[in-house]
Amino acid sequence: MICLFPGCAAWHRLFKHKKKSAAIPQSEKIPKPKQLIGTITLVNTEIAYALIDNGSQPSPAAGTKVECRSPDGTTAQLRVTEIRKRPFIVADIVSGTPHKGDEVYQ
């Protein structure tokens, strides 16, 4: 906005709104580190579920996809169900083959 009077132009320069910073592209955003939520205590491949010992960690919401990693580097995807009994969480196996003792990350 430019004013017609020279004195107003000086005031306009003093009270300009600062430009918003450019948005960071999705490719440059830093990913969140995965949070350890527990270890697998029991695996039933016939019914395709795993029992996760959550300990005192906060449990993820029902429907959340989590990943379990075995010491040899293989991974499996799990989906948390609504069934819980502290300190255990039940999760359905989505893909891969989890094993007893694998760490589970959110």
PDB file of N, CA and C in Angstrom:
ATOM      1  N   MET A   1       0.842  -1.162   0.000  1.00  0.00           N
ATOM      2  CA  MET A   1       0.000   0.000   0.000  1.00  0.00           C
ATOM      3  C   MET A   1       0.894   1.234   0.000  1.00  0.00           C
ATOM      4  N   ILE A   2       0.752   2.059  -0.970  1.00  0.00           N
ATOM      5  CA  ILE A   2       1.546   3.280  -1.060  1.00  0.00           C
ATOM      6  C   ILE A   2       0.623   4.456  -0.794  1.00  0.00           C
ATOM      7  N   CYS A   3       1.058   5.340   0.095  1.00  0.00           N
ATOM      8  CA  CYS A   3       0.271   6.528   0.429  1.00  0.00           C
ATOM      9  C   CYS A   3       0.622   7.667  -0.522  1.00  0.00           C
ATOM     10  N   LEU A   4      -0.279   8.599  -0.626  1.00  0.00           N
ATOM     11  CA  LEU A   4      -0.067   9.741  -1.507  1.00  0.00           C
ATOM     12  C   LEU A   4       0.811  10.808  -0.882  1.00  0.00           C
ATOM     13  N   PHE A   5       0.887  10.843   0.429  1.00  0.00           N
ATOM     14  CA  PHE A   5       1.652  11.866   1.110  1.00  0.00           C
ATOM     15  C   PHE A   5       3.022  11.323   1.480  1.00  0.00           C
ATOM     16  N   PRO A   6       4.101  12.113   1.311  1.00  0.00           N
ATOM     17  CA  PRO A   6       5.456  11.635   1.583  1.00  0.00           C
ATOM     18  C   PRO A   6       5.657  11.227   3.040  1.00  0.00           C
ATOM     19  N   GLY A   7       5.044  11.896   3.971  1.00  0.00           N
ATOM     20  CA  GLY A   7       5.190  11.550   5.387  1.00  0.00           C
ATOM     21  C   GLY A   7       4.578  10.191   5.711  1.00  0.00           C
ATOM     22  N   CYS A   8       3.501   9.872   5.027  1.00  0.00           N
ATOM     23  CA  CYS A   8       2.831   8.583   5.261  1.00  0.00           C
ATOM     24  C   CYS A   8       3.685   7.426   4.763  1.00  0.00           C
ATOM     25  N   ALA A   9       4.451   7.626   3.708  1.00  0.00           N
ATOM     26  CA  ALA A   9       5.299   6.567   3.155  1.00  0.00           C
ATOM     27  C   ALA A   9       6.356   6.148   4.178  1.00  0.00           C
ATOM     28  N   ALA A  10       6.890   7.116   4.947  1.00  0.00           N
ATOM     29  CA  ALA A  10       7.884   6.784   5.971  1.00  0.00           C
ATOM     30  C   ALA A  10       7.267   5.913   7.060  1.00  0.00           C
ATOM     31  N   TRP A  11       6.063   6.237   7.466  1.00  0.00           N
ATOM     32  CA  TRP A  11       5.380   5.422   8.481  1.00  0.00           C
ATOM     33  C   TRP A  11       5.073   4.026   7.948  1.00  0.00           C
ATOM     34  N   HIS A  12       4.738   3.971   6.677  1.00  0.00           N
ATOM     35  CA  HIS A  12       4.424   2.678   6.061  1.00  0.00           C
ATOM     36  C   HIS A  12       5.644   1.756   6.096  1.00  0.00           C
ATOM     37  N   ARG A  13       6.842   2.306   5.850  1.00  0.00           N
ATOM     38  CA  ARG A  13       8.063   1.496   5.885  1.00  0.00           C
ATOM     39  C   ARG A  13       8.357   1.006   7.300  1.00  0.00           C
ATOM     40  N   LEU A  14       8.033   1.779   8.311  1.00  0.00           N
ATOM     41  CA  LEU A  14       8.300   1.386   9.696  1.00  0.00           C
ATOM     42  C   LEU A  14       7.396   0.253  10.158  1.00  0.00           C
ATOM     43  N   PHE A  15       6.175   0.246   9.690  1.00  0.00           N
ATOM     44  CA  PHE A  15       5.212  -0.720  10.195  1.00  0.00           C
ATOM     45  C   PHE A  15       4.859  -1.803   9.168  1.00  0.00           C
ATOM     46  N   LYS A  16       5.775  -2.113   8.273  1.00  0.00           N
ATOM     47  CA  LYS A  16       5.540  -3.174   7.296  1.00  0.00           C
ATOM     48  C   LYS A  16       5.389  -4.500   8.023  1.00  0.00           C
ATOM     49  N   HIS A  17       4.557  -5.350   7.469  1.00  0.00           N
ATOM     50  CA  HIS A  17       4.430  -6.699   8.013  1.00  0.00           C
ATOM     51  C   HIS A  17       5.598  -7.535   7.510  1.00  0.00           C
ATOM     52  N   LYS A  18       6.147  -8.320   8.395  1.00  0.00           N
ATOM     53  CA  LYS A  18       7.258  -9.173   7.997  1.00  0.00           C
ATOM     54  C   LYS A  18       6.730 -10.299   7.107  1.00  0.00           C
ATOM     55  N   LYS A  19       7.519 -10.638   6.113  1.00  0.00           N
ATOM     56  CA  LYS A  19       7.129 -11.718   5.216  1.00  0.00           C
ATOM     57  C   LYS A  19       7.257 -13.046   5.939  1.00  0.00           C
ATOM     58  N   LYS A  20       6.334 -13.934   5.621  1.00  0.00           N
ATOM     59  CA  LYS A  20       6.393 -15.266   6.217  1.00  0.00           C
ATOM     60  C   LYS A  20       7.538 -16.042   5.591  1.00  0.00           C
ATOM     61  N   SER A  21       8.178 -16.869   6.395  1.00  0.00           N
ATOM     62  CA  SER A  21       9.275 -17.666   5.862  1.00  0.00           C
ATOM     63  C   SER A  21       8.715 -18.739   4.930  1.00  0.00           C
ATOM     64  N   ALA A  22       9.504 -19.102   3.976  1.00  0.00           N
ATOM     65  CA  ALA A  22       9.075 -20.107   2.998  1.00  0.00           C
ATOM     66  C   ALA A  22       8.921 -21.456   3.692  1.00  0.00           C
ATOM     67  N   ALA A  23       7.946 -22.205   3.261  1.00  0.00           N
ATOM     68  CA  ALA A  23       7.710 -23.522   3.842  1.00  0.00           C
ATOM     69  C   ALA A  23       8.850 -24.461   3.470  1.00  0.00           C
ATOM     70  N   ILE A  24       9.203 -25.316   4.410  1.00  0.00           N
ATOM     71  CA  ILE A  24      10.269 -26.288   4.173  1.00  0.00           C
ATOM     72  C   ILE A  24       9.698 -27.426   3.333  1.00  0.00           C
ATOM     73  N   PRO A  25      10.350 -27.774   2.220  1.00  0.00           N
ATOM     74  CA  PRO A  25       9.846 -28.881   1.404  1.00  0.00           C
ATOM     75  C   PRO A  25       9.824 -30.190   2.191  1.00  0.00           C
ATOM     76  N   GLN A  26       8.903 -31.061   1.838  1.00  0.00           N
ATOM     77  CA  GLN A  26       8.719 -32.336   2.547  1.00  0.00           C
ATOM     78  C   GLN A  26      10.008 -33.154   2.559  1.00  0.00           C
ATOM     79  N   SER A  27      10.796 -33.082   1.475  1.00  0.00           N
ATOM     80  CA  SER A  27      12.013 -33.887   1.378  1.00  0.00           C
ATOM     81  C   SER A  27      13.102 -33.414   2.342  1.00  0.00           C
ATOM     82  N   GLU A  28      13.043 -32.154   2.789  1.00  0.00           N
ATOM     83  CA  GLU A  28      14.075 -31.622   3.678  1.00  0.00           C
ATOM     84  C   GLU A  28      13.705 -31.709   5.151  1.00  0.00           C
ATOM     85  N   LYS A  29      12.493 -32.153   5.465  1.00  0.00           N
ATOM     86  CA  LYS A  29      12.093 -32.258   6.868  1.00  0.00           C
ATOM     87  C   LYS A  29      12.835 -33.415   7.526  1.00  0.00           C
ATOM     88  N   ILE A  30      13.189 -33.221   8.771  1.00  0.00           N
ATOM     89  CA  ILE A  30      13.908 -34.240   9.521  1.00  0.00           C
ATOM     90  C   ILE A  30      12.896 -35.240  10.079  1.00  0.00           C
ATOM     91  N   PRO A  31      13.062 -36.525   9.768  1.00  0.00           N
ATOM     92  CA  PRO A  31      12.106 -37.511  10.278  1.00  0.00           C
ATOM     93  C   PRO A  31      12.276 -37.715  11.786  1.00  0.00           C
ATOM     94  N   LYS A  32      11.165 -38.023  12.440  1.00  0.00           N
ATOM     95  CA  LYS A  32      11.221 -38.283  13.877  1.00  0.00           C
ATOM     96  C   LYS A  32      11.908 -39.630  14.114  1.00  0.00           C
ATOM     97  N   PRO A  33      12.715 -39.719  15.167  1.00  0.00           N
ATOM     98  CA  PRO A  33      13.310 -41.015  15.462  1.00  0.00           C
ATOM     99  C   PRO A  33      12.228 -41.968  15.964  1.00  0.00           C
ATOM    100  N   LYS A  34      12.381 -43.226  15.638  1.00  0.00           N
ATOM    101  CA  LYS A  34      11.398 -44.219  16.062  1.00  0.00           C
ATOM    102  C   LYS A  34      11.515 -44.420  17.575  1.00  0.00           C
ATOM    103  N   GLN A  35      10.364 -44.553  18.225  1.00  0.00           N
ATOM    104  CA  GLN A  35      10.313 -44.691  19.677  1.00  0.00           C
ATOM    105  C   GLN A  35      10.067 -46.154  20.040  1.00  0.00           C
ATOM    106  N   LEU A  36      10.905 -46.694  20.915  1.00  0.00           N
ATOM    107  CA  LEU A  36      10.747 -48.069  21.388  1.00  0.00           C
ATOM    108  C   LEU A  36       9.520 -48.146  22.282  1.00  0.00           C
ATOM    109  N   ILE A  37       8.586 -49.059  21.949  1.00  0.00           N
ATOM    110  CA  ILE A  37       7.387 -49.189  22.781  1.00  0.00           C
ATOM    111  C   ILE A  37       7.324 -50.506  23.531  1.00  0.00           C
ATOM    112  N   GLY A  38       8.214 -51.450  23.227  1.00  0.00           N
ATOM    113  CA  GLY A  38       8.217 -52.713  23.958  1.00  0.00           C
ATOM    114  C   GLY A  38       8.899 -53.824  23.197  1.00  0.00           C
ATOM    115  N   THR A  39       8.741 -55.043  23.720  1.00  0.00           N
ATOM    116  CA  THR A  39       9.292 -56.230  23.077  1.00  0.00           C
ATOM    117  C   THR A  39       8.198 -57.286  22.924  1.00  0.00           C
ATOM    118  N   ILE A  40       8.354 -58.140  21.928  1.00  0.00           N
ATOM    119  CA  ILE A  40       7.357 -59.183  21.680  1.00  0.00           C
ATOM    120  C   ILE A  40       7.566 -60.325  22.665  1.00  0.00           C
ATOM    121  N   THR A  41       6.481 -60.716  23.330  1.00  0.00           N
ATOM    122  CA  THR A  41       6.511 -61.783  24.312  1.00  0.00           C
ATOM    123  C   THR A  41       5.991 -63.092  23.738  1.00  0.00           C
ATOM    124  N   LEU A  42       5.001 -63.001  22.852  1.00  0.00           N
ATOM    125  CA  LEU A  42       4.359 -64.198  22.307  1.00  0.00           C
ATOM    126  C   LEU A  42       3.926 -63.922  20.875  1.00  0.00           C
ATOM    127  N   VAL A  43       4.094 -64.923  19.988  1.00  0.00           N
ATOM    128  CA  VAL A  43       3.645 -64.802  18.598  1.00  0.00           C
ATOM    129  C   VAL A  43       2.789 -66.015  18.270  1.00  0.00           C
ATOM    130  N   ASN A  44       1.596 -65.754  17.716  1.00  0.00           N
ATOM    131  CA  ASN A  44       0.731 -66.829  17.243  1.00  0.00           C
ATOM    132  C   ASN A  44       0.525 -66.606  15.745  1.00  0.00           C
ATOM    133  N   THR A  45       1.230 -67.400  14.916  1.00  0.00           N
ATOM    134  CA  THR A  45       1.151 -67.219  13.469  1.00  0.00           C
ATOM    135  C   THR A  45      -0.144 -67.782  12.886  1.00  0.00           C
ATOM    136  N   GLU A  46      -0.801 -68.726  13.576  1.00  0.00           N
ATOM    137  CA  GLU A  46      -2.056 -69.296  13.078  1.00  0.00           C
ATOM    138  C   GLU A  46      -3.171 -68.245  13.057  1.00  0.00           C
ATOM    139  N   ILE A  47      -3.260 -67.455  14.110  1.00  0.00           N
ATOM    140  CA  ILE A  47      -4.295 -66.424  14.218  1.00  0.00           C
ATOM    141  C   ILE A  47      -3.741 -65.052  13.812  1.00  0.00           C
ATOM    142  N   ALA A  48      -2.451 -64.975  13.556  1.00  0.00           N
ATOM    143  CA  ALA A  48      -1.755 -63.762  13.102  1.00  0.00           C
ATOM    144  C   ALA A  48      -1.837 -62.617  14.107  1.00  0.00           C
ATOM    145  N   TYR A  49      -1.352 -62.874  15.324  1.00  0.00           N
ATOM    146  CA  TYR A  49      -1.250 -61.794  16.306  1.00  0.00           C
ATOM    147  C   TYR A  49       0.027 -61.959  17.120  1.00  0.00           C
ATOM    148  N   ALA A  50       0.418 -60.854  17.750  1.00  0.00           N
ATOM    149  CA  ALA A  50       1.589 -60.855  18.616  1.00  0.00           C
ATOM    150  C   ALA A  50       1.235 -60.125  19.903  1.00  0.00           C
ATOM    151  N   LEU A  51       1.821 -60.587  21.004  1.00  0.00           N
ATOM    152  CA  LEU A  51       1.616 -59.963  22.312  1.00  0.00           C
ATOM    153  C   LEU A  51       2.874 -59.153  22.628  1.00  0.00           C
ATOM    154  N   ILE A  52       2.688 -57.867  22.851  1.00  0.00           N
ATOM    155  CA  ILE A  52       3.807 -56.958  23.101  1.00  0.00           C
ATOM    156  C   ILE A  52       3.842 -56.588  24.578  1.00  0.00           C
ATOM    157  N   ASP A  53       5.010 -56.791  25.216  1.00  0.00           N
ATOM    158  CA  ASP A  53       5.212 -56.353  26.600  1.00  0.00           C
ATOM    159  C   ASP A  53       5.626 -54.895  26.550  1.00  0.00           C
ATOM    160  N   ASN A  54       4.722 -54.030  27.005  1.00  0.00           N
ATOM    161  CA  ASN A  54       4.914 -52.597  26.914  1.00  0.00           C
ATOM    162  C   ASN A  54       5.613 -52.023  28.143  1.00  0.00           C
ATOM    163  N   GLY A  55       5.654 -52.757  29.222  1.00  0.00           N
ATOM    164  CA  GLY A  55       6.273 -52.264  30.451  1.00  0.00           C
ATOM    165  C   GLY A  55       5.563 -51.025  30.947  1.00  0.00           C
ATOM    166  N   SER A  56       6.315 -49.980  31.256  1.00  0.00           N
ATOM    167  CA  SER A  56       5.720 -48.728  31.735  1.00  0.00           C
ATOM    168  C   SER A  56       5.654 -47.659  30.643  1.00  0.00           C
ATOM    169  N   GLN A  57       5.979 -48.046  29.398  1.00  0.00           N
ATOM    170  CA  GLN A  57       5.928 -47.098  28.281  1.00  0.00           C
ATOM    171  C   GLN A  57       4.477 -46.721  27.983  1.00  0.00           C
ATOM    172  N   PRO A  58       4.239 -45.520  27.453  1.00  0.00           N
ATOM    173  CA  PRO A  58       2.879 -45.178  27.036  1.00  0.00           C
ATOM    174  C   PRO A  58       2.481 -46.034  25.836  1.00  0.00           C
ATOM    175  N   SER A  59       1.285 -46.571  25.863  1.00  0.00           N
ATOM    176  CA  SER A  59       0.868 -47.463  24.783  1.00  0.00           C
ATOM    177  C   SER A  59       0.289 -46.667  23.620  1.00  0.00           C
ATOM    178  N   PRO A  60       0.551 -47.108  22.386  1.00  0.00           N
ATOM    179  CA  PRO A  60       0.021 -46.401  21.213  1.00  0.00           C
ATOM    180  C   PRO A  60      -1.481 -46.608  21.078  1.00  0.00           C
ATOM    181  N   ALA A  61      -2.137 -45.734  20.339  1.00  0.00           N
ATOM    182  CA  ALA A  61      -3.585 -45.813  20.128  1.00  0.00           C
ATOM    183  C   ALA A  61      -3.928 -47.020  19.266  1.00  0.00           C
ATOM    184  N   ALA A  62      -5.144 -47.507  19.425  1.00  0.00           N
ATOM    185  CA  ALA A  62      -5.619 -48.638  18.622  1.00  0.00           C
ATOM    186  C   ALA A  62      -5.606 -48.253  17.149  1.00  0.00           C
ATOM    187  N   GLY A  63      -5.162 -49.168  16.295  1.00  0.00           N
ATOM    188  CA  GLY A  63      -5.093 -48.919  14.865  1.00  0.00           C
ATOM    189  C   GLY A  63      -3.750 -48.382  14.403  1.00  0.00           C
ATOM    190  N   THR A  64      -2.858 -48.058  15.335  1.00  0.00           N
ATOM    191  CA  THR A  64      -1.543 -47.527  14.989  1.00  0.00           C
ATOM    192  C   THR A  64      -0.680 -48.644  14.406  1.00  0.00           C
ATOM    193  N   LYS A  65       0.012 -48.343  13.297  1.00  0.00           N
ATOM    194  CA  LYS A  65       0.941 -49.316  12.726  1.00  0.00           C
ATOM    195  C   LYS A  65       2.279 -49.166  13.421  1.00  0.00           C
ATOM    196  N   VAL A  66       2.852 -50.281  13.838  1.00  0.00           N
ATOM    197  CA  VAL A  66       4.158 -50.306  14.490  1.00  0.00           C
ATOM    198  C   VAL A  66       5.046 -51.291  13.741  1.00  0.00           C
ATOM    199  N   GLU A  67       6.340 -51.196  13.988  1.00  0.00           N
ATOM    200  CA  GLU A  67       7.308 -52.040  13.297  1.00  0.00           C
ATOM    201  C   GLU A  67       8.136 -52.787  14.324  1.00  0.00           C
ATOM    202  N   CYS A  68       8.327 -54.085  14.099  1.00  0.00           N
ATOM    203  CA  CYS A  68       9.210 -54.834  14.996  1.00  0.00           C
ATOM    204  C   CYS A  68      10.458 -55.227  14.219  1.00  0.00           C
ATOM    205  N   ARG A  69      11.588 -55.195  14.909  1.00  0.00           N
ATOM    206  CA  ARG A  69      12.878 -55.501  14.301  1.00  0.00           C
ATOM    207  C   ARG A  69      13.555 -56.609  15.081  1.00  0.00           C
ATOM    208  N   SER A  70      14.028 -57.597  14.357  1.00  0.00           N
ATOM    209  CA  SER A  70      14.783 -58.659  15.005  1.00  0.00           C
ATOM    210  C   SER A  70      16.274 -58.319  14.960  1.00  0.00           C
ATOM    211  N   PRO A  71      17.074 -58.976  15.789  1.00  0.00           N
ATOM    212  CA  PRO A  71      18.508 -58.680  15.829  1.00  0.00           C
ATOM    213  C   PRO A  71      19.214 -58.886  14.485  1.00  0.00           C
ATOM    214  N   ASP A  72      18.693 -59.781  13.635  1.00  0.00           N
ATOM    215  CA  ASP A  72      19.342 -60.016  12.342  1.00  0.00           C
ATOM    216  C   ASP A  72      18.957 -58.978  11.285  1.00  0.00           C
ATOM    217  N   GLY A  73      18.086 -58.012  11.623  1.00  0.00           N
ATOM    218  CA  GLY A  73      17.746 -56.925  10.719  1.00  0.00           C
ATOM    219  C   GLY A  73      16.416 -57.067   9.995  1.00  0.00           C
ATOM    220  N   THR A  74      15.749 -58.206  10.103  1.00  0.00           N
ATOM    221  CA  THR A  74      14.449 -58.356   9.442  1.00  0.00           C
ATOM    222  C   THR A  74      13.386 -57.578  10.201  1.00  0.00           C
ATOM    223  N   THR A  75      12.379 -57.114   9.466  1.00  0.00           N
ATOM    224  CA  THR A  75      11.317 -56.334  10.087  1.00  0.00           C
ATOM    225  C   THR A  75       9.963 -56.953   9.787  1.00  0.00           C
ATOM    226  N   ALA A  76       8.985 -56.592  10.601  1.00  0.00           N
ATOM    227  CA  ALA A  76       7.595 -57.003  10.400  1.00  0.00           C
ATOM    228  C   ALA A  76       6.705 -55.833  10.794  1.00  0.00           C
ATOM    229  N   GLN A  77       5.587 -55.700  10.121  1.00  0.00           N
ATOM    230  CA  GLN A  77       4.627 -54.637  10.408  1.00  0.00           C
ATOM    231  C   GLN A  77       3.483 -55.201  11.233  1.00  0.00           C
ATOM    232  N   LEU A  78       3.088 -54.470  12.272  1.00  0.00           N
ATOM    233  CA  LEU A  78       1.987 -54.871  13.148  1.00  0.00           C
ATOM    234  C   LEU A  78       0.994 -53.725  13.262  1.00  0.00           C
ATOM    235  N   ARG A  79      -0.256 -54.045  13.577  1.00  0.00           N
ATOM    236  CA  ARG A  79      -1.276 -53.017  13.823  1.00  0.00           C
ATOM    237  C   ARG A  79      -1.845 -53.266  15.223  1.00  0.00           C
ATOM    238  N   VAL A  80      -1.776 -52.251  16.073  1.00  0.00           N
ATOM    239  CA  VAL A  80      -2.224 -52.351  17.461  1.00  0.00           C
ATOM    240  C   VAL A  80      -3.746 -52.485  17.512  1.00  0.00           C
ATOM    241  N   THR A  81      -4.247 -53.416  18.327  1.00  0.00           N
ATOM    242  CA  THR A  81      -5.690 -53.602  18.507  1.00  0.00           C
ATOM    243  C   THR A  81      -6.145 -52.890  19.775  1.00  0.00           C
ATOM    244  N   GLU A  82      -7.442 -52.955  20.029  1.00  0.00           N
ATOM    245  CA  GLU A  82      -7.991 -52.323  21.238  1.00  0.00           C
ATOM    246  C   GLU A  82      -7.778 -53.183  22.481  1.00  0.00           C
ATOM    247  N   ILE A  83      -7.434 -54.451  22.296  1.00  0.00           N
ATOM    248  CA  ILE A  83      -7.284 -55.371  23.426  1.00  0.00           C
ATOM    249  C   ILE A  83      -5.973 -55.079  24.144  1.00  0.00           C
ATOM    250  N   ARG A  84      -6.086 -54.731  25.436  1.00  0.00           N
ATOM    251  CA  ARG A  84      -4.918 -54.425  26.268  1.00  0.00           C
ATOM    252  C   ARG A  84      -5.155 -54.916  27.691  1.00  0.00           C
ATOM    253  N   LYS A  85      -4.121 -55.340  28.302  1.00  0.00           N
ATOM    254  CA  LYS A  85      -4.133 -55.661  29.727  1.00  0.00           C
ATOM    255  C   LYS A  85      -2.733 -55.323  30.206  1.00  0.00           C
ATOM    256  N   ARG A  86      -2.599 -54.203  30.894  1.00  0.00           N
ATOM    257  CA  ARG A  86      -1.302 -53.684  31.323  1.00  0.00           C
ATOM    258  C   ARG A  86      -0.424 -54.790  31.840  1.00  0.00           C
ATOM    259  N   PRO A  87       0.762 -54.937  31.500  1.00  0.00           N
ATOM    260  CA  PRO A  87       1.615 -54.171  30.610  1.00  0.00           C
ATOM    261  C   PRO A  87       1.633 -54.715  29.174  1.00  0.00           C
ATOM    262  N   PHE A  88       0.609 -55.474  28.762  1.00  0.00           N
ATOM    263  CA  PHE A  88       0.620 -56.103  27.449  1.00  0.00           C
ATOM    264  C   PHE A  88      -0.330 -55.423  26.466  1.00  0.00           C
ATOM    265  N   ILE A  89       0.064 -55.453  25.185  1.00  0.00           N
ATOM    266  CA  ILE A  89      -0.736 -54.943  24.081  1.00  0.00           C
ATOM    267  C   ILE A  89      -0.826 -56.052  23.050  1.00  0.00           C
ATOM    268  N   VAL A  90      -1.986 -56.236  22.443  1.00  0.00           N
ATOM    269  CA  VAL A  90      -2.154 -57.210  21.369  1.00  0.00           C
ATOM    270  C   VAL A  90      -2.089 -56.461  20.044  1.00  0.00           C
ATOM    271  N   ALA A  91      -1.348 -57.028  19.079  1.00  0.00           N
ATOM    272  CA  ALA A  91      -1.226 -56.417  17.756  1.00  0.00           C
ATOM    273  C   ALA A  91      -1.396 -57.488  16.688  1.00  0.00           C
ATOM    274  N   ASP A  92      -2.122 -57.146  15.621  1.00  0.00           N
ATOM    275  CA  ASP A  92      -2.294 -58.047  14.482  1.00  0.00           C
ATOM    276  C   ASP A  92      -1.064 -57.963  13.593  1.00  0.00           C
ATOM    277  N   ILE A  93      -0.662 -59.094  13.017  1.00  0.00           N
ATOM    278  CA  ILE A  93       0.471 -59.122  12.096  1.00  0.00           C
ATOM    279  C   ILE A  93      -0.023 -58.692  10.720  1.00  0.00           C
ATOM    280  N   VAL A  94       0.546 -57.622  10.187  1.00  0.00           N
ATOM    281  CA  VAL A  94       0.174 -57.116   8.866  1.00  0.00           C
ATOM    282  C   VAL A  94       1.074 -57.729   7.797  1.00  0.00           C
ATOM    283  N   SER A  95       2.393 -57.698   8.028  1.00  0.00           N
ATOM    284  CA  SER A  95       3.336 -58.292   7.089  1.00  0.00           C
ATOM    285  C   SER A  95       4.591 -58.715   7.830  1.00  0.00           C
ATOM    286  N   GLY A  96       5.316 -59.659   7.253  1.00  0.00           N
ATOM    287  CA  GLY A  96       6.544 -60.147   7.869  1.00  0.00           C
ATOM    288  C   GLY A  96       6.269 -61.215   8.910  1.00  0.00           C
ATOM    289  N   THR A  97       7.339 -61.671   9.551  1.00  0.00           N
ATOM    290  CA  THR A  97       7.232 -62.697  10.585  1.00  0.00           C
ATOM    291  C   THR A  97       7.949 -62.223  11.840  1.00  0.00           C
ATOM    292  N   PRO A  98       7.211 -61.749  12.829  1.00  0.00           N
ATOM    293  CA  PRO A  98       7.842 -61.335  14.084  1.00  0.00           C
ATOM    294  C   PRO A  98       8.257 -62.556  14.903  1.00  0.00           C
ATOM    295  N   HIS A  99       9.223 -62.368  15.769  1.00  0.00           N
ATOM    296  CA  HIS A  99       9.705 -63.447  16.633  1.00  0.00           C
ATOM    297  C   HIS A  99       9.734 -62.979  18.080  1.00  0.00           C
ATOM    298  N   LYS A 100       9.667 -63.933  18.970  1.00  0.00           N
ATOM    299  CA  LYS A 100       9.719 -63.613  20.397  1.00  0.00           C
ATOM    300  C   LYS A 100      11.037 -62.899  20.695  1.00  0.00           C
ATOM    301  N   GLY A 101      10.966 -61.788  21.428  1.00  0.00           N
ATOM    302  CA  GLY A 101      12.154 -61.029  21.802  1.00  0.00           C
ATOM    303  C   GLY A 101      12.458 -59.858  20.874  1.00  0.00           C
ATOM    304  N   ASP A 102      11.770 -59.750  19.741  1.00  0.00           N
ATOM    305  CA  ASP A 102      11.982 -58.619  18.829  1.00  0.00           C
ATOM    306  C   ASP A 102      11.542 -57.317  19.487  1.00  0.00           C
ATOM    307  N   GLU A 103      12.244 -56.236  19.182  1.00  0.00           N
ATOM    308  CA  GLU A 103      11.876 -54.914  19.696  1.00  0.00           C
ATOM    309  C   GLU A 103      10.832 -54.304  18.791  1.00  0.00           C
ATOM    310  N   VAL A 104       9.877 -53.582  19.396  1.00  0.00           N
ATOM    311  CA  VAL A 104       8.771 -52.961  18.655  1.00  0.00           C
ATOM    312  C   VAL A 104       8.918 -51.449  18.738  1.00  0.00           C
ATOM    313  N   TYR A 105       8.868 -50.788  17.568  1.00  0.00           N
ATOM    314  CA  TYR A 105       9.033 -49.335  17.472  1.00  0.00           C
ATOM    315  C   TYR A 105       7.790 -48.700  16.859  1.00  0.00           C
ATOM    316  N   GLN A 106       7.503 -47.477  17.299  1.00  0.00           N
ATOM    317  CA  GLN A 106       6.393 -46.726  16.743  1.00  0.00           C
ATOM    318  C   GLN A 106       6.931 -45.681  15.791  1.00  0.00           C
TER     319      GLN A 106
END
